[in-house]
Amino acid sequence: MAWYAYCIGEKLAFPELARHRKPVPLESVHGISGNQVFLYPASDLAIVVSEHNSSESLNPKSGVDHARVISDCFQQSTVLPFRFGTIFNDDESLRKSIRSNQRQFVTNIEKLRGKTEMHLKILVDDCCTKEVSSQIPAATGQKYLSNLRENATRARERQTRARAISFQMHRLFMPLDEEVSCRLTENGKMLLDIAHLIDRKYVERYQNKYASTSVMMRDCTMQHSGPWPPYHFVHRLTRPAHAAVAAMPPQAIVAPALPVLEPAIVLA
């Protein structure tokens, strides 16, 4: 039987597993294609899975269902999200993967216990109002060199502005950790996508700080969301070869174009 995997949680957080060594249903939780979600016990861990039929195709709704199941489990346990589309062909492949990485998974859960991710999106006017075409002519000459210099200058100015804003956000919100990316939008603005890792007990304080900051930052348009499972921060703790690597929730995916500090990366 193939298993579709959502996340790894703590076995003790799910009383349903107290007396079971086989997968048990997670009541009232349904996953991709409406399939029943199960808790698959693995020593001190609980692997959240649902049965998978190879004939079932994944689509955008599947991505939303994937994130919803992880969010539901996050209400009960610290979780390590699997990347969207992670499938184990049978019980043995699932057990082998967990068994070979169990020590690191347990360590990662310990590091992320009691923490959550908050998400900020900040839209600001591009500091470089005069745009230069990114298509640099193939021919050599003064115009070619001039375009190179102007593009490089604008890139530095944008990075400087984005770093200044991200530093200001760090100073205001004081997160435990952060991931920042920046890109240009089609309407000529810069979009900063900032993930903050904070203690779950401080969510309300964070939201209050956002309310006051959004009023203060009159030259920016701000949005926030969360609390989320720590999608952005699992990849820092997990080797790329592992199957359990965080992916951003589908509705929050933003492809970075300009590097600011460390861009948010989704590992394979």
C-alpha atoms as a PDB file:
ATOM      1  CA  MET A   1       0.000   0.000   0.000  1.00  0.00           C
ATOM      2  CA  ALA A   2       1.363   3.429  -0.945  1.00  0.00           C
ATOM      3  CA  TRP A   3       1.268   6.251   1.593  1.00  0.00           C
ATOM      4  CA  TYR A   4       1.014   9.989   0.948  1.00  0.00           C
ATOM      5  CA  ALA A   5       2.977  11.793   3.692  1.00  0.00           C
ATOM      6  CA  TYR A   6       2.043  15.147   5.260  1.00  0.00           C
ATOM      7  CA  CYS A   7       4.279  15.654   8.268  1.00  0.00           C
ATOM      8  CA  ILE A   8       6.093  14.139  11.240  1.00  0.00           C
ATOM      9  CA  GLY A   9       4.780  14.831  14.733  1.00  0.00           C
ATOM     10  CA  GLU A  10       5.332  13.723  18.308  1.00  0.00           C
ATOM     11  CA  LYS A  11       3.745  10.422  19.239  1.00  0.00           C
ATOM     12  CA  LEU A  12       2.931  11.603  22.759  1.00  0.00           C
ATOM     13  CA  ALA A  13       0.879  14.478  21.344  1.00  0.00           C
ATOM     14  CA  PHE A  14      -1.657  12.028  19.893  1.00  0.00           C
ATOM     15  CA  PRO A  15      -3.427   9.966  22.592  1.00  0.00           C
ATOM     16  CA  GLU A  16      -4.834   7.718  19.828  1.00  0.00           C
ATOM     17  CA  LEU A  17      -1.404   6.076  19.529  1.00  0.00           C
ATOM     18  CA  ALA A  18      -0.967   5.277  23.230  1.00  0.00           C
ATOM     19  CA  ARG A  19      -1.890   1.602  22.837  1.00  0.00           C
ATOM     20  CA  HIS A  20      -1.402   1.010  19.136  1.00  0.00           C
ATOM     21  CA  ARG A  21       1.510  -0.139  17.024  1.00  0.00           C
ATOM     22  CA  LYS A  22      -0.370   0.025  13.747  1.00  0.00           C
ATOM     23  CA  PRO A  23      -1.726   3.080  11.871  1.00  0.00           C
ATOM     24  CA  VAL A  24      -4.842   4.528  13.456  1.00  0.00           C
ATOM     25  CA  PRO A  25      -7.279   7.046  11.929  1.00  0.00           C
ATOM     26  CA  LEU A  26      -6.957  10.679  12.907  1.00  0.00           C
ATOM     27  CA  GLU A  27     -10.615  11.370  13.560  1.00  0.00           C
ATOM     28  CA  SER A  28     -12.368  14.085  11.559  1.00  0.00           C
ATOM     29  CA  VAL A  29      -9.295  14.831   9.444  1.00  0.00           C
ATOM     30  CA  HIS A  30      -9.330  14.074   5.728  1.00  0.00           C
ATOM     31  CA  GLY A  31      -6.515  14.716   3.327  1.00  0.00           C
ATOM     32  CA  ILE A  32      -5.933  14.779  -0.404  1.00  0.00           C
ATOM     33  CA  SER A  33      -8.871  13.499  -2.474  1.00  0.00           C
ATOM     34  CA  GLY A  34     -10.885  13.266   0.744  1.00  0.00           C
ATOM     35  CA  ASN A  35      -8.863  10.257   1.957  1.00  0.00           C
ATOM     36  CA  GLN A  36      -8.845   9.393   5.642  1.00  0.00           C
ATOM     37  CA  VAL A  37      -5.719  10.597   7.438  1.00  0.00           C
ATOM     38  CA  PHE A  38      -3.825   8.092   9.599  1.00  0.00           C
ATOM     39  CA  LEU A  39      -1.226   8.320  12.357  1.00  0.00           C
ATOM     40  CA  TYR A  40       1.597   5.911  11.549  1.00  0.00           C
ATOM     41  CA  PRO A  41       3.612   5.126  14.731  1.00  0.00           C
ATOM     42  CA  ALA A  42       7.402   5.047  14.471  1.00  0.00           C
ATOM     43  CA  SER A  43       9.069   4.831  17.900  1.00  0.00           C
ATOM     44  CA  ASP A  44       8.637   8.297  19.493  1.00  0.00           C
ATOM     45  CA  LEU A  45       7.316   9.805  16.261  1.00  0.00           C
ATOM     46  CA  ALA A  46       3.937   9.893  14.548  1.00  0.00           C
ATOM     47  CA  ILE A  47       3.944  10.045  10.756  1.00  0.00           C
ATOM     48  CA  VAL A  48       0.801  11.665   9.366  1.00  0.00           C
ATOM     49  CA  VAL A  49      -0.225   9.887   6.158  1.00  0.00           C
ATOM     50  CA  SER A  50      -3.164   8.866   4.003  1.00  0.00           C
ATOM     51  CA  GLU A  51      -3.552   6.005   1.552  1.00  0.00           C
ATOM     52  CA  HIS A  52      -2.483   6.897  -1.956  1.00  0.00           C
ATOM     53  CA  ASN A  53      -3.710   5.559  -5.264  1.00  0.00           C
ATOM     54  CA  SER A  54      -1.301   6.060  -8.162  1.00  0.00           C
ATOM     55  CA  SER A  55      -4.254   6.861 -10.414  1.00  0.00           C
ATOM     56  CA  GLU A  56      -5.048   9.953  -8.326  1.00  0.00           C
ATOM     57  CA  SER A  57      -3.386  13.066  -9.728  1.00  0.00           C
ATOM     58  CA  LEU A  58      -2.231  15.982  -7.588  1.00  0.00           C
ATOM     59  CA  ASN A  59      -3.604  19.435  -8.372  1.00  0.00           C
ATOM     60  CA  PRO A  60      -3.740  22.900  -6.767  1.00  0.00           C
ATOM     61  CA  LYS A  61      -6.538  21.786  -4.423  1.00  0.00           C
ATOM     62  CA  SER A  62      -4.289  18.919  -3.322  1.00  0.00           C
ATOM     63  CA  GLY A  63      -1.723  21.505  -2.245  1.00  0.00           C
ATOM     64  CA  VAL A  64      -4.317  23.305  -0.138  1.00  0.00           C
ATOM     65  CA  ASP A  65      -5.417  19.995   1.423  1.00  0.00           C
ATOM     66  CA  HIS A  66      -1.784  19.132   2.152  1.00  0.00           C
ATOM     67  CA  ALA A  67      -1.262  22.436   4.012  1.00  0.00           C
ATOM     68  CA  ARG A  68      -4.580  22.085   5.867  1.00  0.00           C
ATOM     69  CA  VAL A  69      -3.695  18.665   7.276  1.00  0.00           C
ATOM     70  CA  ILE A  70      -0.331  19.967   8.477  1.00  0.00           C
ATOM     71  CA  SER A  71      -2.042  22.971  10.057  1.00  0.00           C
ATOM     72  CA  ASP A  72      -4.546  20.711  11.860  1.00  0.00           C
ATOM     73  CA  CYS A  73      -1.734  18.559  13.251  1.00  0.00           C
ATOM     74  CA  PHE A  74       0.191  21.674  14.275  1.00  0.00           C
ATOM     75  CA  GLN A  75      -2.615  22.447  16.722  1.00  0.00           C
ATOM     76  CA  GLN A  76      -1.626  19.343  18.698  1.00  0.00           C
ATOM     77  CA  SER A  77       2.064  18.832  18.080  1.00  0.00           C
ATOM     78  CA  THR A  78       5.320  20.283  16.852  1.00  0.00           C
ATOM     79  CA  VAL A  79       5.538  19.153  13.227  1.00  0.00           C
ATOM     80  CA  LEU A  80       8.155  18.657  10.517  1.00  0.00           C
ATOM     81  CA  PRO A  81       6.277  19.114   7.227  1.00  0.00           C
ATOM     82  CA  PHE A  82       6.958  16.860   4.270  1.00  0.00           C
ATOM     83  CA  ARG A  83       7.355  18.469   0.894  1.00  0.00           C
ATOM     84  CA  PHE A  84       4.133  18.506  -1.121  1.00  0.00           C
ATOM     85  CA  GLY A  85       3.925  15.349  -3.232  1.00  0.00           C
ATOM     86  CA  THR A  86       5.989  13.063  -0.958  1.00  0.00           C
ATOM     87  CA  ILE A  87       4.825   9.473  -1.485  1.00  0.00           C
ATOM     88  CA  PHE A  88       6.149   6.211  -0.034  1.00  0.00           C
ATOM     89  CA  ASN A  89       5.485   3.152  -2.159  1.00  0.00           C
ATOM     90  CA  ASP A  90       4.885   0.810   0.786  1.00  0.00           C
ATOM     91  CA  ASP A  91       5.224   0.328   4.545  1.00  0.00           C
ATOM     92  CA  GLU A  92       8.831  -0.786   4.284  1.00  0.00           C
ATOM     93  CA  SER A  93      10.016   2.302   2.407  1.00  0.00           C
ATOM     94  CA  LEU A  94       8.229   4.535   4.926  1.00  0.00           C
ATOM     95  CA  ARG A  95       9.711   2.735   7.936  1.00  0.00           C
ATOM     96  CA  LYS A  96      13.187   2.668   6.380  1.00  0.00           C
ATOM     97  CA  SER A  97      13.162   6.403   5.678  1.00  0.00           C
ATOM     98  CA  ILE A  98      12.045   7.291   9.192  1.00  0.00           C
ATOM     99  CA  ARG A  99      14.352   4.783  10.859  1.00  0.00           C
ATOM    100  CA  SER A 100      17.457   6.013   9.023  1.00  0.00           C
ATOM    101  CA  ASN A 101      16.801   9.670   9.963  1.00  0.00           C
ATOM    102  CA  GLN A 102      14.984   9.270  13.275  1.00  0.00           C
ATOM    103  CA  ARG A 103      17.665  10.795  15.491  1.00  0.00           C
ATOM    104  CA  GLN A 104      17.771  13.963  13.429  1.00  0.00           C
ATOM    105  CA  PHE A 105      13.988  14.202  13.224  1.00  0.00           C
ATOM    106  CA  VAL A 106      13.709  13.960  17.016  1.00  0.00           C
ATOM    107  CA  THR A 107      16.426  16.600  17.422  1.00  0.00           C
ATOM    108  CA  ASN A 108      14.680  18.930  14.983  1.00  0.00           C
ATOM    109  CA  ILE A 109      11.379  18.585  16.798  1.00  0.00           C
ATOM    110  CA  GLU A 110      13.127  19.500  20.036  1.00  0.00           C
ATOM    111  CA  LYS A 111      14.587  22.640  18.435  1.00  0.00           C
ATOM    112  CA  LEU A 112      11.222  23.756  17.024  1.00  0.00           C
ATOM    113  CA  ARG A 113       9.018  22.806  19.975  1.00  0.00           C
ATOM    114  CA  GLY A 114       6.881  25.711  21.147  1.00  0.00           C
ATOM    115  CA  LYS A 115       7.724  27.836  18.104  1.00  0.00           C
ATOM    116  CA  THR A 116       5.666  29.055  15.173  1.00  0.00           C
ATOM    117  CA  GLU A 117       6.140  30.993  11.953  1.00  0.00           C
ATOM    118  CA  MET A 118       4.616  34.373  11.184  1.00  0.00           C
ATOM    119  CA  HIS A 119       4.589  35.769   7.662  1.00  0.00           C
ATOM    120  CA  LEU A 120       4.948  39.379   6.519  1.00  0.00           C
ATOM    121  CA  LYS A 121       4.508  40.710   2.986  1.00  0.00           C
ATOM    122  CA  ILE A 122       5.661  44.276   2.448  1.00  0.00           C
ATOM    123  CA  LEU A 123       5.005  46.103  -0.817  1.00  0.00           C
ATOM    124  CA  VAL A 124       7.132  49.207  -1.427  1.00  0.00           C
ATOM    125  CA  ASP A 125       7.729  51.511  -4.376  1.00  0.00           C
ATOM    126  CA  ASP A 126      10.783  50.646  -6.418  1.00  0.00           C
ATOM    127  CA  CYS A 127      13.586  53.020  -5.487  1.00  0.00           C
ATOM    128  CA  CYS A 128      14.735  52.936  -9.135  1.00  0.00           C
ATOM    129  CA  THR A 129      11.975  54.725 -11.011  1.00  0.00           C
ATOM    130  CA  LYS A 130      13.765  54.789 -14.351  1.00  0.00           C
ATOM    131  CA  GLU A 131      13.880  51.223 -15.597  1.00  0.00           C
ATOM    132  CA  VAL A 132      16.616  49.872 -17.839  1.00  0.00           C
ATOM    133  CA  SER A 133      15.888  46.897 -20.054  1.00  0.00           C
ATOM    134  CA  SER A 134      17.240  43.643 -18.668  1.00  0.00           C
ATOM    135  CA  GLN A 135      17.930  42.549 -22.247  1.00  0.00           C
ATOM    136  CA  ILE A 136      21.488  43.751 -22.695  1.00  0.00           C
ATOM    137  CA  PRO A 137      22.470  44.007 -26.390  1.00  0.00           C
ATOM    138  CA  ALA A 138      24.836  41.344 -27.629  1.00  0.00           C
ATOM    139  CA  ALA A 139      26.981  43.913 -29.439  1.00  0.00           C
ATOM    140  CA  THR A 140      29.884  45.513 -27.643  1.00  0.00           C
ATOM    141  CA  GLY A 141      30.347  49.216 -27.281  1.00  0.00           C
ATOM    142  CA  GLN A 142      29.653  52.170 -25.022  1.00  0.00           C
ATOM    143  CA  LYS A 143      25.884  51.520 -24.799  1.00  0.00           C
ATOM    144  CA  TYR A 144      26.455  47.916 -23.757  1.00  0.00           C
ATOM    145  CA  LEU A 145      28.852  48.921 -20.970  1.00  0.00           C
ATOM    146  CA  SER A 146      26.564  51.753 -19.882  1.00  0.00           C
ATOM    147  CA  ASN A 147      23.592  49.380 -19.549  1.00  0.00           C
ATOM    148  CA  LEU A 148      25.701  46.961 -17.536  1.00  0.00           C
ATOM    149  CA  ARG A 149      26.690  49.710 -15.084  1.00  0.00           C
ATOM    150  CA  GLU A 150      23.157  51.093 -14.765  1.00  0.00           C
ATOM    151  CA  ASN A 151      21.618  47.641 -14.173  1.00  0.00           C
ATOM    152  CA  ALA A 152      24.258  46.850 -11.543  1.00  0.00           C
ATOM    153  CA  THR A 153      23.692  50.212  -9.829  1.00  0.00           C
ATOM    154  CA  ARG A 154      19.919  49.694  -9.695  1.00  0.00           C
ATOM    155  CA  ALA A 155      20.345  46.169  -8.330  1.00  0.00           C
ATOM    156  CA  ARG A 156      22.565  47.497  -5.519  1.00  0.00           C
ATOM    157  CA  GLU A 157      20.107  50.289  -4.716  1.00  0.00           C
ATOM    158  CA  ARG A 158      17.213  47.824  -4.509  1.00  0.00           C
ATOM    159  CA  GLN A 159      19.169  45.457  -2.277  1.00  0.00           C
ATOM    160  CA  THR A 160      20.175  48.339  -0.012  1.00  0.00           C
ATOM    161  CA  ARG A 161      16.542  49.472   0.320  1.00  0.00           C
ATOM    162  CA  ALA A 162      15.308  45.925   0.906  1.00  0.00           C
ATOM    163  CA  ARG A 163      17.998  45.228   3.514  1.00  0.00           C
ATOM    164  CA  ALA A 164      17.143  48.453   5.342  1.00  0.00           C
ATOM    165  CA  ILE A 165      13.453  47.488   5.539  1.00  0.00           C
ATOM    166  CA  SER A 166      14.190  43.901   6.593  1.00  0.00           C
ATOM    167  CA  PHE A 167      16.568  45.193   9.300  1.00  0.00           C
ATOM    168  CA  GLN A 168      13.866  47.557  10.529  1.00  0.00           C
ATOM    169  CA  MET A 169      11.366  44.685  10.696  1.00  0.00           C
ATOM    170  CA  HIS A 170      13.875  42.568  12.603  1.00  0.00           C
ATOM    171  CA  ARG A 171      14.460  45.358  15.107  1.00  0.00           C
ATOM    172  CA  LEU A 172      10.727  45.920  15.600  1.00  0.00           C
ATOM    173  CA  PHE A 173       9.597  42.275  15.861  1.00  0.00           C
ATOM    174  CA  MET A 174      12.752  40.678  17.338  1.00  0.00           C
ATOM    175  CA  PRO A 175      12.143  37.157  15.957  1.00  0.00           C
ATOM    176  CA  LEU A 176      14.140  34.103  17.020  1.00  0.00           C
ATOM    177  CA  ASP A 177      15.055  33.540  13.373  1.00  0.00           C
ATOM    178  CA  GLU A 178      14.014  34.873   9.980  1.00  0.00           C
ATOM    179  CA  GLU A 179      13.989  34.188   6.247  1.00  0.00           C
ATOM    180  CA  VAL A 180      13.756  37.103   3.798  1.00  0.00           C
ATOM    181  CA  SER A 181      13.293  37.258   0.033  1.00  0.00           C
ATOM    182  CA  CYS A 182      12.541  40.111  -2.363  1.00  0.00           C
ATOM    183  CA  ARG A 183      11.274  40.350  -5.934  1.00  0.00           C
ATOM    184  CA  LEU A 184      10.004  42.943  -8.366  1.00  0.00           C
ATOM    185  CA  THR A 185       6.305  42.824  -9.188  1.00  0.00           C
ATOM    186  CA  GLU A 186       4.744  43.424 -12.585  1.00  0.00           C
ATOM    187  CA  ASN A 187       3.498  46.854 -11.530  1.00  0.00           C
ATOM    188  CA  GLY A 188       7.025  48.035 -10.723  1.00  0.00           C
ATOM    189  CA  LYS A 189       7.016  47.636  -6.945  1.00  0.00           C
ATOM    190  CA  MET A 190       9.267  45.598  -4.653  1.00  0.00           C
ATOM    191  CA  LEU A 191       7.686  42.779  -2.638  1.00  0.00           C
ATOM    192  CA  LEU A 192       9.502  41.662   0.501  1.00  0.00           C
ATOM    193  CA  ASP A 193       8.459  38.264   1.803  1.00  0.00           C
ATOM    194  CA  ILE A 194       9.558  37.806   5.423  1.00  0.00           C
ATOM    195  CA  ALA A 195       9.122  34.706   7.594  1.00  0.00           C
ATOM    196  CA  HIS A 196       9.695  35.178  11.338  1.00  0.00           C
ATOM    197  CA  LEU A 197      10.173  32.346  13.814  1.00  0.00           C
ATOM    198  CA  ILE A 198       8.738  33.227  17.231  1.00  0.00           C
ATOM    199  CA  ASP A 199       7.549  31.552  20.428  1.00  0.00           C
ATOM    200  CA  ARG A 200       3.915  30.503  20.114  1.00  0.00           C
ATOM    201  CA  LYS A 201       3.066  32.206  23.391  1.00  0.00           C
ATOM    202  CA  TYR A 202       3.962  35.567  21.843  1.00  0.00           C
ATOM    203  CA  VAL A 203       1.641  35.389  18.814  1.00  0.00           C
ATOM    204  CA  GLU A 204      -0.784  37.959  20.217  1.00  0.00           C
ATOM    205  CA  ARG A 205       2.055  40.342  21.048  1.00  0.00           C
ATOM    206  CA  TYR A 206       3.401  39.920  17.505  1.00  0.00           C
ATOM    207  CA  GLN A 207      -0.018  40.706  16.030  1.00  0.00           C
ATOM    208  CA  ASN A 208      -0.306  43.821  18.188  1.00  0.00           C
ATOM    209  CA  LYS A 209       3.134  44.935  17.054  1.00  0.00           C
ATOM    210  CA  TYR A 210       2.072  44.394  13.432  1.00  0.00           C
ATOM    211  CA  ALA A 211      -1.007  46.600  13.949  1.00  0.00           C
ATOM    212  CA  SER A 212       1.094  49.493  15.218  1.00  0.00           C
ATOM    213  CA  THR A 213       3.863  48.981  12.653  1.00  0.00           C
ATOM    214  CA  SER A 214       1.481  48.949   9.668  1.00  0.00           C
ATOM    215  CA  VAL A 215       0.203  52.365  10.747  1.00  0.00           C
ATOM    216  CA  MET A 216       3.729  53.701  11.196  1.00  0.00           C
ATOM    217  CA  MET A 217       5.034  52.424   7.812  1.00  0.00           C
ATOM    218  CA  ARG A 218       3.012  54.806   5.672  1.00  0.00           C
ATOM    219  CA  ASP A 219       5.205  54.367   2.590  1.00  0.00           C
ATOM    220  CA  CYS A 220       4.625  50.594   2.573  1.00  0.00           C
ATOM    221  CA  THR A 221       1.660  48.270   2.197  1.00  0.00           C
ATOM    222  CA  MET A 222       1.861  45.425   4.724  1.00  0.00           C
ATOM    223  CA  GLN A 223       0.046  42.110   5.137  1.00  0.00           C
ATOM    224  CA  HIS A 224       0.583  39.405   7.712  1.00  0.00           C
ATOM    225  CA  SER A 225      -0.531  35.817   8.184  1.00  0.00           C
ATOM    226  CA  GLY A 226       0.003  33.070  10.727  1.00  0.00           C
ATOM    227  CA  PRO A 227       0.643  31.385  12.972  1.00  0.00           C
ATOM    228  CA  TRP A 228       1.976  28.727  10.584  1.00  0.00           C
ATOM    229  CA  PRO A 229       3.965  25.558  11.125  1.00  0.00           C
ATOM    230  CA  PRO A 230       7.662  26.501  10.773  1.00  0.00           C
ATOM    231  CA  TYR A 231       7.844  25.737   7.040  1.00  0.00           C
ATOM    232  CA  HIS A 232      10.794  28.008   6.276  1.00  0.00           C
ATOM    233  CA  PHE A 233      12.944  26.861   9.153  1.00  0.00           C
ATOM    234  CA  VAL A 234      12.813  23.070   8.888  1.00  0.00           C
ATOM    235  CA  HIS A 235      15.148  23.109   5.866  1.00  0.00           C
ATOM    236  CA  ARG A 236      17.900  24.667   7.976  1.00  0.00           C
ATOM    237  CA  LEU A 237      17.825  21.609  10.215  1.00  0.00           C
ATOM    238  CA  THR A 238      17.346  18.919   7.569  1.00  0.00           C
ATOM    239  CA  ARG A 239      19.850  17.620   5.032  1.00  0.00           C
ATOM    240  CA  PRO A 240      18.736  17.969   1.370  1.00  0.00           C
ATOM    241  CA  ALA A 241      18.768  14.177   0.907  1.00  0.00           C
ATOM    242  CA  HIS A 242      15.984  13.669   3.417  1.00  0.00           C
ATOM    243  CA  ALA A 243      12.377  13.314   2.327  1.00  0.00           C
ATOM    244  CA  ALA A 244      11.029  15.426   5.199  1.00  0.00           C
ATOM    245  CA  VAL A 245      11.924  18.908   4.050  1.00  0.00           C
ATOM    246  CA  ALA A 246       9.695  21.897   4.589  1.00  0.00           C
ATOM    247  CA  ALA A 247       7.775  23.467   1.766  1.00  0.00           C
ATOM    248  CA  MET A 248       5.985  26.775   2.039  1.00  0.00           C
ATOM    249  CA  PRO A 249       2.223  26.597   2.255  1.00  0.00           C
ATOM    250  CA  PRO A 250       0.847  26.733  -1.325  1.00  0.00           C
ATOM    251  CA  GLN A 251      -0.860  30.072  -0.837  1.00  0.00           C
ATOM    252  CA  ALA A 252       2.354  31.664   0.438  1.00  0.00           C
ATOM    253  CA  ILE A 253       4.839  30.628  -2.263  1.00  0.00           C
ATOM    254  CA  VAL A 254       6.861  33.551  -3.610  1.00  0.00           C
ATOM    255  CA  ALA A 255       9.777  33.033  -5.981  1.00  0.00           C
ATOM    256  CA  PRO A 256      12.713  35.221  -4.896  1.00  0.00           C
ATOM    257  CA  ALA A 257      14.349  37.383  -7.550  1.00  0.00           C
ATOM    258  CA  LEU A 258      16.602  39.706  -5.560  1.00  0.00           C
ATOM    259  CA  PRO A 259      18.621  38.085  -2.751  1.00  0.00           C
ATOM    260  CA  VAL A 260      18.180  39.822   0.602  1.00  0.00           C
ATOM    261  CA  LEU A 261      20.089  38.254   3.476  1.00  0.00           C
ATOM    262  CA  GLU A 262      19.221  34.593   2.889  1.00  0.00           C
ATOM    263  CA  PRO A 263      16.450  34.038   0.339  1.00  0.00           C
ATOM    264  CA  ALA A 264      13.725  31.587   1.286  1.00  0.00           C
ATOM    265  CA  ILE A 265      14.686  28.268  -0.298  1.00  0.00           C
ATOM    266  CA  VAL A 266      12.605  25.137  -0.787  1.00  0.00           C
ATOM    267  CA  LEU A 267      14.878  22.130  -0.870  1.00  0.00           C
ATOM    268  CA  ALA A 268      14.275  18.956  -2.833  1.00  0.00           C
END
